């Protein structure tokens, strides 16, 4: 039964943190990049990034605790 033992989970924690905050940061960067050419598209990027961050922190935060 040694195959079921869990060792160091630091990589898994880093993976969950990257999923939580990575895409919202990319959406914010994209929003700032297109803000002058398409203000409505930038607003959509900011809103989707904020929603992703809220949902990601809720789901992944629950899994990490």
N, C-alpha and C. Protein backbone atom coordinates (compact mmCIF):
# COMPACT_ATOMS: atom_id res chain seq x y z
N UNK A 1 0.81 -1.21 0.00
CA UNK A 1 0.00 0.00 0.00
C UNK A 1 0.85 1.27 0.00
N UNK A 2 2.11 1.18 -0.30
CA UNK A 2 2.95 2.37 -0.32
C UNK A 2 2.64 3.27 -1.50
N UNK A 3 1.95 2.78 -2.50
CA UNK A 3 1.60 3.60 -3.66
C UNK A 3 0.58 4.67 -3.31
N UNK A 4 -0.15 4.49 -2.22
CA UNK A 4 -1.17 5.46 -1.83
C UNK A 4 -0.64 6.57 -0.93
N UNK A 5 0.62 6.45 -0.49
CA UNK A 5 1.17 7.48 0.39
C UNK A 5 1.47 8.74 -0.41
N UNK A 6 1.19 9.87 0.21
CA UNK A 6 1.41 11.15 -0.44
C UNK A 6 2.64 11.80 0.18
N UNK A 7 3.52 12.29 -0.69
CA UNK A 7 4.75 12.94 -0.21
C UNK A 7 4.60 14.45 -0.20
N UNK A 8 5.50 15.12 -0.86
CA UNK A 8 5.55 16.57 -0.89
C UNK A 8 4.54 17.10 -1.90
N UNK A 9 3.64 17.97 -1.45
CA UNK A 9 2.59 18.51 -2.33
C UNK A 9 2.81 19.97 -2.69
N UNK A 10 4.04 20.46 -2.60
CA UNK A 10 4.31 21.86 -2.91
C UNK A 10 4.01 22.18 -4.38
N UNK A 11 4.29 21.25 -5.27
CA UNK A 11 4.01 21.48 -6.68
C UNK A 11 2.53 21.59 -6.96
N UNK A 12 1.73 20.83 -6.25
CA UNK A 12 0.28 20.89 -6.43
C UNK A 12 -0.28 22.20 -5.93
N UNK A 13 0.24 22.71 -4.84
CA UNK A 13 -0.19 24.00 -4.30
C UNK A 13 0.17 25.12 -5.28
N UNK A 14 1.38 25.07 -5.82
CA UNK A 14 1.80 26.08 -6.80
C UNK A 14 0.93 26.01 -8.05
N UNK A 15 0.54 24.83 -8.46
CA UNK A 15 -0.34 24.66 -9.61
C UNK A 15 -1.70 25.30 -9.36
N UNK A 16 -2.28 25.07 -8.19
CA UNK A 16 -3.58 25.67 -7.87
C UNK A 16 -3.49 27.19 -7.78
N UNK A 17 -2.40 27.69 -7.22
CA UNK A 17 -2.24 29.15 -7.14
C UNK A 17 -2.10 29.75 -8.53
N UNK A 18 -1.39 29.07 -9.42
CA UNK A 18 -1.25 29.55 -10.80
C UNK A 18 -2.59 29.55 -11.51
N UNK A 19 -3.43 28.56 -11.26
CA UNK A 19 -4.77 28.53 -11.86
C UNK A 19 -5.65 29.63 -11.28
N UNK A 20 -5.47 29.94 -9.99
CA UNK A 20 -6.29 30.97 -9.35
C UNK A 20 -5.99 32.36 -9.89
N UNK A 21 -4.72 32.71 -10.00
CA UNK A 21 -4.38 34.10 -10.31
C UNK A 21 -3.78 34.31 -11.69
N UNK A 22 -3.41 33.26 -12.40
CA UNK A 22 -2.79 33.42 -13.71
C UNK A 22 -3.71 34.01 -14.77
N UNK A 23 -4.84 33.38 -15.06
CA UNK A 23 -5.73 33.93 -16.09
C UNK A 23 -6.29 35.32 -15.80
N UNK A 24 -6.66 35.66 -14.54
CA UNK A 24 -7.09 37.04 -14.31
C UNK A 24 -6.01 38.08 -14.59
N UNK A 25 -4.75 37.75 -14.29
CA UNK A 25 -3.67 38.68 -14.60
C UNK A 25 -3.53 38.84 -16.10
N UNK A 26 -3.62 37.75 -16.85
CA UNK A 26 -3.55 37.84 -18.31
C UNK A 26 -4.72 38.63 -18.88
N UNK A 27 -5.90 38.45 -18.31
CA UNK A 27 -7.07 39.21 -18.78
C UNK A 27 -6.90 40.70 -18.49
N UNK A 28 -6.32 41.05 -17.35
CA UNK A 28 -6.08 42.46 -17.02
C UNK A 28 -5.05 43.07 -17.97
N UNK A 29 -4.00 42.34 -18.27
CA UNK A 29 -2.99 42.83 -19.20
C UNK A 29 -3.60 43.02 -20.58
N UNK A 30 -4.41 42.06 -21.01
CA UNK A 30 -5.09 42.18 -22.30
C UNK A 30 -6.04 43.37 -22.30
N UNK A 31 -6.75 43.57 -21.22
CA UNK A 31 -7.67 44.71 -21.12
C UNK A 31 -6.95 46.04 -21.23
N UNK A 32 -5.80 46.15 -20.54
CA UNK A 32 -5.03 47.40 -20.63
C UNK A 32 -4.45 47.59 -22.02
N UNK A 33 -4.11 46.47 -22.70
CA UNK A 33 -3.52 46.57 -24.04
C UNK A 33 -4.53 47.05 -25.07
N UNK A 34 -5.79 46.66 -24.94
CA UNK A 34 -6.79 47.03 -25.95
C UNK A 34 -7.68 48.18 -25.50
N UNK A 35 -7.33 48.84 -24.40
CA UNK A 35 -8.20 49.87 -23.84
C UNK A 35 -8.42 51.04 -24.80
N UNK A 36 -7.37 51.48 -25.50
CA UNK A 36 -7.53 52.62 -26.39
C UNK A 36 -8.29 52.27 -27.66
N UNK A 37 -8.04 51.10 -28.21
CA UNK A 37 -8.68 50.74 -29.48
C UNK A 37 -10.12 50.25 -29.29
N UNK A 38 -10.37 49.58 -28.18
CA UNK A 38 -11.71 49.02 -27.96
C UNK A 38 -12.07 49.11 -26.48
N UNK A 39 -12.63 50.24 -26.05
CA UNK A 39 -12.95 50.38 -24.62
C UNK A 39 -13.98 49.37 -24.13
N UNK A 40 -14.95 49.03 -24.96
CA UNK A 40 -15.96 48.06 -24.53
C UNK A 40 -15.35 46.67 -24.40
N UNK A 41 -14.46 46.30 -25.29
CA UNK A 41 -13.78 45.01 -25.19
C UNK A 41 -12.90 44.94 -23.96
N UNK A 42 -12.25 46.07 -23.64
CA UNK A 42 -11.42 46.10 -22.43
C UNK A 42 -12.26 45.94 -21.18
N UNK A 43 -13.43 46.57 -21.17
CA UNK A 43 -14.32 46.45 -20.03
C UNK A 43 -14.77 45.00 -19.84
N UNK A 44 -15.05 44.32 -20.95
CA UNK A 44 -15.45 42.91 -20.89
C UNK A 44 -14.30 42.07 -20.34
N UNK A 45 -13.06 42.35 -20.79
CA UNK A 45 -11.90 41.61 -20.28
C UNK A 45 -11.73 41.81 -18.78
N UNK A 46 -11.90 43.04 -18.32
CA UNK A 46 -11.77 43.31 -16.88
C UNK A 46 -12.85 42.58 -16.08
N UNK A 47 -14.07 42.60 -16.57
CA UNK A 47 -15.17 41.94 -15.86
C UNK A 47 -14.97 40.43 -15.82
N UNK A 48 -14.58 39.84 -16.95
CA UNK A 48 -14.36 38.39 -16.98
C UNK A 48 -13.19 38.02 -16.08
N UNK A 49 -12.13 38.83 -16.09
CA UNK A 49 -10.99 38.57 -15.20
C UNK A 49 -11.38 38.64 -13.74
N UNK A 50 -12.20 39.63 -13.37
CA UNK A 50 -12.64 39.75 -11.98
C UNK A 50 -13.52 38.58 -11.56
N UNK A 51 -14.42 38.18 -12.44
CA UNK A 51 -15.27 37.03 -12.13
C UNK A 51 -14.44 35.75 -11.99
N UNK A 52 -13.47 35.58 -12.89
CA UNK A 52 -12.61 34.40 -12.82
C UNK A 52 -11.83 34.38 -11.50
N UNK A 53 -11.34 35.56 -11.08
CA UNK A 53 -10.59 35.63 -9.84
C UNK A 53 -11.47 35.30 -8.64
N UNK A 54 -12.68 35.84 -8.61
CA UNK A 54 -13.59 35.56 -7.49
C UNK A 54 -13.96 34.09 -7.43
N UNK A 55 -14.30 33.52 -8.57
CA UNK A 55 -14.68 32.10 -8.60
C UNK A 55 -13.48 31.21 -8.32
N UNK A 56 -12.32 31.56 -8.91
CA UNK A 56 -11.11 30.77 -8.68
C UNK A 56 -10.67 30.77 -7.24
N UNK A 57 -10.72 31.95 -6.61
CA UNK A 57 -10.35 32.01 -5.20
C UNK A 57 -11.32 31.22 -4.33
N UNK A 58 -12.58 31.20 -4.72
CA UNK A 58 -13.56 30.45 -3.95
C UNK A 58 -13.39 28.95 -4.08
N UNK A 59 -13.24 28.47 -5.31
CA UNK A 59 -13.15 27.03 -5.54
C UNK A 59 -11.77 26.50 -5.15
N UNK A 60 -10.70 27.12 -5.68
CA UNK A 60 -9.36 26.63 -5.39
C UNK A 60 -8.98 26.90 -3.93
N UNK A 61 -9.46 28.02 -3.39
CA UNK A 61 -9.20 28.29 -1.98
C UNK A 61 -9.84 27.26 -1.07
N UNK A 62 -11.00 26.79 -1.46
CA UNK A 62 -11.66 25.74 -0.69
C UNK A 62 -10.89 24.43 -0.80
N UNK A 63 -10.37 24.14 -1.99
CA UNK A 63 -9.60 22.90 -2.15
C UNK A 63 -8.28 22.94 -1.39
N UNK A 64 -7.68 24.13 -1.29
CA UNK A 64 -6.39 24.24 -0.62
C UNK A 64 -6.51 24.23 0.90
N UNK A 65 -7.66 24.59 1.42
CA UNK A 65 -7.78 24.63 2.88
C UNK A 65 -8.22 23.32 3.48
